[in-house]
Amino acid sequence: MIWVALAFCLLAILGSVGYAATRARRLWKTAKTLAKRATDIVGRVTASAARAEERAVSLSAGTERLSAAITHLQGSLEELAVIRSAAAEPGDLLKSIRGLVPRK
């Protein structure tokens, strides 16, 4: 009877060790897969950050060009205002002369 109990205990211990080893192996595989996927994701995030940085640099260059264009446009608008006021002077003079001539 002692040998049966000893065999049962030995079988229970070996079964438990086998089960624990199988679970440990699954855990190891899962950890490796997780590490690989995390590395891939970090690589994609890094590439995305690099693209975003390139876009930000190009936007800042575009902003500088836009600022220069706005400055040029403001100067052109000021010049247009001067030209319009100069073009309106002869019309105003003509209106004042017409006002002197009597109508029927």
N, C-alpha and C. Protein backbone atom coordinates (compact mmCIF):
# COMPACT_ATOMS: atom_id res chain seq x y z
N MET A 1 0.79 -1.18 0.00
CA MET A 1 0.00 0.00 0.00
C MET A 1 0.85 1.27 0.00
N ILE A 2 1.97 1.27 0.64
CA ILE A 2 2.85 2.43 0.67
C ILE A 2 3.40 2.70 -0.73
N TRP A 3 3.68 1.62 -1.48
CA TRP A 3 4.24 1.81 -2.82
C TRP A 3 3.22 2.45 -3.76
N VAL A 4 1.96 2.15 -3.59
CA VAL A 4 0.90 2.75 -4.41
C VAL A 4 0.80 4.23 -4.08
N ALA A 5 0.84 4.57 -2.80
CA ALA A 5 0.76 5.97 -2.39
C ALA A 5 1.97 6.75 -2.88
N LEU A 6 3.16 6.12 -2.79
CA LEU A 6 4.38 6.76 -3.27
C LEU A 6 4.33 6.96 -4.79
N ALA A 7 3.83 5.96 -5.51
CA ALA A 7 3.71 6.07 -6.96
C ALA A 7 2.72 7.17 -7.32
N PHE A 8 1.62 7.27 -6.59
CA PHE A 8 0.63 8.30 -6.84
C PHE A 8 1.23 9.69 -6.62
N CYS A 9 1.97 9.85 -5.52
CA CYS A 9 2.62 11.15 -5.23
C CYS A 9 3.62 11.50 -6.32
N LEU A 10 4.43 10.51 -6.74
CA LEU A 10 5.42 10.74 -7.79
C LEU A 10 4.74 11.12 -9.09
N LEU A 11 3.65 10.45 -9.42
CA LEU A 11 2.89 10.76 -10.62
C LEU A 11 2.28 12.16 -10.54
N ALA A 12 1.78 12.53 -9.36
CA ALA A 12 1.20 13.86 -9.18
C ALA A 12 2.27 14.94 -9.31
N ILE A 13 3.44 14.71 -8.75
CA ILE A 13 4.54 15.68 -8.84
C ILE A 13 5.00 15.83 -10.29
N LEU A 14 5.19 14.70 -10.99
CA LEU A 14 5.63 14.76 -12.38
C LEU A 14 4.58 15.42 -13.27
N GLY A 15 3.33 15.13 -13.02
CA GLY A 15 2.25 15.76 -13.79
C GLY A 15 2.22 17.26 -13.56
N SER A 16 2.39 17.68 -12.31
CA SER A 16 2.40 19.11 -11.99
C SER A 16 3.58 19.81 -12.64
N VAL A 17 4.75 19.16 -12.59
CA VAL A 17 5.95 19.74 -13.22
C VAL A 17 5.74 19.83 -14.73
N GLY A 18 5.18 18.79 -15.34
CA GLY A 18 4.90 18.81 -16.78
C GLY A 18 3.93 19.92 -17.16
N TYR A 19 2.86 20.05 -16.37
CA TYR A 19 1.87 21.10 -16.63
C TYR A 19 2.52 22.49 -16.49
N ALA A 20 3.32 22.67 -15.43
CA ALA A 20 4.00 23.96 -15.22
C ALA A 20 4.98 24.24 -16.35
N ALA A 21 5.68 23.22 -16.83
CA ALA A 21 6.62 23.41 -17.93
C ALA A 21 5.88 23.81 -19.21
N THR A 22 4.75 23.17 -19.48
CA THR A 22 3.96 23.52 -20.66
C THR A 22 3.47 24.96 -20.58
N ARG A 23 2.96 25.34 -19.43
CA ARG A 23 2.50 26.73 -19.26
C ARG A 23 3.66 27.72 -19.37
N ALA A 24 4.82 27.35 -18.82
CA ALA A 24 6.00 28.22 -18.91
C ALA A 24 6.42 28.38 -20.37
N ARG A 25 6.35 27.30 -21.14
CA ARG A 25 6.71 27.37 -22.57
C ARG A 25 5.74 28.27 -23.32
N ARG A 26 4.45 28.15 -23.05
CA ARG A 26 3.46 29.03 -23.68
C ARG A 26 3.71 30.49 -23.30
N LEU A 27 4.03 30.72 -22.03
CA LEU A 27 4.32 32.07 -21.58
C LEU A 27 5.54 32.63 -22.31
N TRP A 28 6.57 31.81 -22.47
CA TRP A 28 7.78 32.24 -23.17
C TRP A 28 7.46 32.60 -24.62
N LYS A 29 6.66 31.77 -25.31
CA LYS A 29 6.29 32.04 -26.69
C LYS A 29 5.49 33.34 -26.78
N THR A 30 4.57 33.51 -25.86
CA THR A 30 3.75 34.72 -25.85
C THR A 30 4.62 35.96 -25.61
N ALA A 31 5.58 35.85 -24.69
CA ALA A 31 6.47 36.98 -24.41
C ALA A 31 7.31 37.32 -25.64
N LYS A 32 7.80 36.30 -26.36
CA LYS A 32 8.59 36.55 -27.56
C LYS A 32 7.74 37.23 -28.64
N THR A 33 6.52 36.74 -28.81
CA THR A 33 5.62 37.34 -29.80
C THR A 33 5.30 38.78 -29.44
N LEU A 34 5.03 39.01 -28.17
CA LEU A 34 4.73 40.35 -27.70
C LEU A 34 5.92 41.28 -27.94
N ALA A 35 7.12 40.82 -27.63
CA ALA A 35 8.31 41.64 -27.83
C ALA A 35 8.50 41.97 -29.31
N LYS A 36 8.27 40.99 -30.19
CA LYS A 36 8.41 41.23 -31.63
C LYS A 36 7.40 42.25 -32.11
N ARG A 37 6.13 42.07 -31.70
CA ARG A 37 5.10 43.01 -32.11
C ARG A 37 5.36 44.40 -31.56
N ALA A 38 5.80 44.49 -30.33
CA ALA A 38 6.11 45.79 -29.73
C ALA A 38 7.23 46.47 -30.50
N THR A 39 8.24 45.71 -30.91
CA THR A 39 9.34 46.28 -31.70
C THR A 39 8.82 46.79 -33.04
N ASP A 40 7.96 46.01 -33.69
CA ASP A 40 7.37 46.44 -34.96
C ASP A 40 6.55 47.72 -34.78
N ILE A 41 5.76 47.76 -33.73
CA ILE A 41 4.92 48.94 -33.49
C ILE A 41 5.78 50.17 -33.20
N VAL A 42 6.82 49.99 -32.41
CA VAL A 42 7.71 51.11 -32.11
C VAL A 42 8.38 51.60 -33.39
N GLY A 43 8.76 50.67 -34.27
CA GLY A 43 9.34 51.05 -35.56
C GLY A 43 8.37 51.86 -36.40
N ARG A 44 7.10 51.42 -36.43
CA ARG A 44 6.10 52.16 -37.20
C ARG A 44 5.84 53.54 -36.60
N VAL A 45 5.80 53.61 -35.28
CA VAL A 45 5.59 54.91 -34.62
C VAL A 45 6.77 55.84 -34.90
N THR A 46 7.97 55.31 -34.88
CA THR A 46 9.15 56.12 -35.16
C THR A 46 9.11 56.63 -36.59
N ALA A 47 8.75 55.76 -37.54
CA ALA A 47 8.65 56.19 -38.94
C ALA A 47 7.57 57.25 -39.11
N SER A 48 6.45 57.06 -38.42
CA SER A 48 5.37 58.05 -38.49
C SER A 48 5.81 59.38 -37.89
N ALA A 49 6.55 59.34 -36.81
CA ALA A 49 7.06 60.57 -36.20
C ALA A 49 8.03 61.27 -37.14
N ALA A 50 8.86 60.51 -37.84
CA ALA A 50 9.80 61.10 -38.79
C ALA A 50 9.04 61.78 -39.94
N ARG A 51 7.97 61.12 -40.44
CA ARG A 51 7.17 61.75 -41.50
C ARG A 51 6.50 63.02 -40.99
N ALA A 52 6.00 62.98 -39.76
CA ALA A 52 5.36 64.17 -39.18
C ALA A 52 6.37 65.31 -39.03
N GLU A 53 7.59 64.97 -38.65
CA GLU A 53 8.63 66.00 -38.53
C GLU A 53 8.94 66.62 -39.88
N GLU A 54 9.02 65.77 -40.93
CA GLU A 54 9.27 66.30 -42.27
C GLU A 54 8.14 67.24 -42.71
N ARG A 55 6.91 66.84 -42.41
CA ARG A 55 5.78 67.70 -42.77
C ARG A 55 5.83 69.02 -42.00
N ALA A 56 6.20 68.96 -40.74
CA ALA A 56 6.29 70.19 -39.93
C ALA A 56 7.36 71.12 -40.49
N VAL A 57 8.49 70.55 -40.91
CA VAL A 57 9.55 71.37 -41.49
C VAL A 57 9.07 72.00 -42.79
N SER A 58 8.39 71.21 -43.63
CA SER A 58 7.90 71.75 -44.89
C SER A 58 6.83 72.81 -44.64
N LEU A 59 6.01 72.62 -43.60
CA LEU A 59 5.02 73.63 -43.26
C LEU A 59 5.67 74.92 -42.80
N SER A 60 6.74 74.82 -42.03
CA SER A 60 7.40 76.04 -41.58
C SER A 60 8.03 76.77 -42.77
N ALA A 61 8.57 76.02 -43.76
CA ALA A 61 9.11 76.65 -44.96
C ALA A 61 7.98 77.29 -45.75
N GLY A 62 6.83 76.61 -45.82
CA GLY A 62 5.67 77.17 -46.51
C GLY A 62 5.14 78.40 -45.79
N THR A 63 5.22 78.40 -44.47
CA THR A 63 4.78 79.55 -43.69
C THR A 63 5.65 80.76 -43.97
N GLU A 64 6.95 80.54 -44.11
CA GLU A 64 7.86 81.65 -44.43
C GLU A 64 7.53 82.22 -45.81
N ARG A 65 7.27 81.34 -46.78
CA ARG A 65 6.90 81.82 -48.13
C ARG A 65 5.58 82.56 -48.08
N LEU A 66 4.63 82.04 -47.31
CA LEU A 66 3.34 82.69 -47.18
C LEU A 66 3.48 84.07 -46.55
N SER A 67 4.31 84.17 -45.53
CA SER A 67 4.53 85.46 -44.87
C SER A 67 5.13 86.46 -45.85
N ALA A 68 6.09 86.03 -46.65
CA ALA A 68 6.69 86.92 -47.66
C ALA A 68 5.65 87.32 -48.69
N ALA A 69 4.79 86.40 -49.11
CA ALA A 69 3.75 86.71 -50.09
C ALA A 69 2.74 87.70 -49.52
N ILE A 70 2.40 87.55 -48.24
CA ILE A 70 1.45 88.47 -47.60
C ILE A 70 2.06 89.87 -47.52
N THR A 71 3.32 89.96 -47.18
CA THR A 71 3.99 91.27 -47.14
C THR A 71 3.98 91.91 -48.51
N HIS A 72 4.28 91.12 -49.55
CA HIS A 72 4.27 91.64 -50.92
C HIS A 72 2.86 92.09 -51.30
N LEU A 73 1.85 91.30 -50.93
CA LEU A 73 0.47 91.65 -51.23
C LEU A 73 0.05 92.95 -50.55
N GLN A 74 0.46 93.14 -49.31
CA GLN A 74 0.12 94.38 -48.61
C GLN A 74 0.74 95.59 -49.30
N GLY A 75 1.97 95.43 -49.74
CA GLY A 75 2.61 96.52 -50.49
C GLY A 75 1.88 96.80 -51.80
N SER A 76 1.46 95.75 -52.48
CA SER A 76 0.72 95.93 -53.74
C SER A 76 -0.62 96.59 -53.49
N LEU A 77 -1.30 96.23 -52.40
CA LEU A 77 -2.58 96.86 -52.08
C LEU A 77 -2.41 98.34 -51.75
N GLU A 78 -1.34 98.68 -51.06
CA GLU A 78 -1.07 100.09 -50.77
C GLU A 78 -0.82 100.86 -52.07
N GLU A 79 -0.07 100.25 -52.98
CA GLU A 79 0.20 100.88 -54.27
C GLU A 79 -1.09 101.04 -55.06
N LEU A 80 -1.98 100.05 -55.03
CA LEU A 80 -3.26 100.13 -55.71
C LEU A 80 -4.11 101.25 -55.14
N ALA A 81 -4.09 101.43 -53.84
CA ALA A 81 -4.86 102.51 -53.22
C ALA A 81 -4.36 103.87 -53.70
N VAL A 82 -3.06 104.01 -53.83
CA VAL A 82 -2.49 105.27 -54.32
C VAL A 82 -2.92 105.50 -55.77
N ILE A 83 -2.86 104.45 -56.59
CA ILE A 83 -3.22 104.58 -58.00
C ILE A 83 -4.71 104.91 -58.13
N ARG A 84 -5.55 104.29 -57.32
CA ARG A 84 -6.99 104.58 -57.38
C ARG A 84 -7.28 106.03 -57.00
N SER A 85 -6.61 106.49 -55.96
CA SER A 85 -6.86 107.89 -55.56
C SER A 85 -6.35 108.85 -56.64
N ALA A 86 -5.24 108.51 -57.28
CA ALA A 86 -4.73 109.36 -58.37
C ALA A 86 -5.67 109.30 -59.57
N ALA A 87 -6.26 108.15 -59.85
CA ALA A 87 -7.18 108.03 -60.98
C ALA A 87 -8.50 108.72 -60.68
N ALA A 88 -8.87 108.86 -59.44
CA ALA A 88 -10.13 109.51 -59.08
C ALA A 88 -10.03 111.02 -59.15
N GLU A 89 -8.83 111.59 -59.06
CA GLU A 89 -8.67 113.05 -59.08
C GLU A 89 -9.19 113.68 -60.37
N PRO A 90 -8.86 113.17 -61.56
CA PRO A 90 -9.41 113.80 -62.78
C PRO A 90 -10.93 113.70 -62.85
N GLY A 91 -11.50 112.60 -62.37
CA GLY A 91 -12.96 112.47 -62.36
C GLY A 91 -13.60 113.49 -61.44
N ASP A 92 -12.98 113.73 -60.30
CA ASP A 92 -13.50 114.74 -59.37
C ASP A 92 -13.41 116.13 -60.00
N LEU A 93 -12.31 116.39 -60.70
CA LEU A 93 -12.13 117.69 -61.36
C LEU A 93 -13.19 117.86 -62.44
N LEU A 94 -13.46 116.82 -63.21
CA LEU A 94 -14.47 116.88 -64.27
C LEU A 94 -15.85 117.13 -63.67
N LYS A 95 -16.16 116.49 -62.57
CA LYS A 95 -17.45 116.70 -61.92
C LYS A 95 -17.60 118.14 -61.44
N SER A 96 -16.52 118.70 -60.91
CA SER A 96 -16.60 120.09 -60.43
C SER A 96 -16.77 121.05 -61.60
N ILE A 97 -16.13 120.76 -62.75
CA ILE A 97 -16.28 121.62 -63.93
C ILE A 97 -17.72 121.49 -64.47
N ARG A 98 -18.24 120.30 -64.52
CA ARG A 98 -19.60 120.09 -64.97
C ARG A 98 -20.60 120.82 -64.07
N GLY A 99 -20.26 120.92 -62.83
CA GLY A 99 -21.16 121.62 -61.91
C GLY A 99 -21.23 123.10 -62.22
N LEU A 100 -20.20 123.67 -62.86
CA LEU A 100 -20.18 125.08 -63.20
C LEU A 100 -21.01 125.37 -64.45
N VAL A 101 -21.11 124.38 -65.32
CA VAL A 101 -21.85 124.58 -66.58
C VAL A 101 -23.33 124.40 -66.30
N PRO A 102 -24.15 125.40 -66.73
CA PRO A 102 -25.56 125.28 -66.47
C PRO A 102 -26.22 124.21 -67.35
N ARG A 103 -27.23 123.58 -66.80
CA ARG A 103 -27.99 122.57 -67.54
C ARG A 103 -29.27 123.18 -68.06
N LYS A 104 -29.90 122.53 -69.00
CA LYS A 104 -31.14 123.02 -69.56
C LYS A 104 -32.28 122.85 -68.63
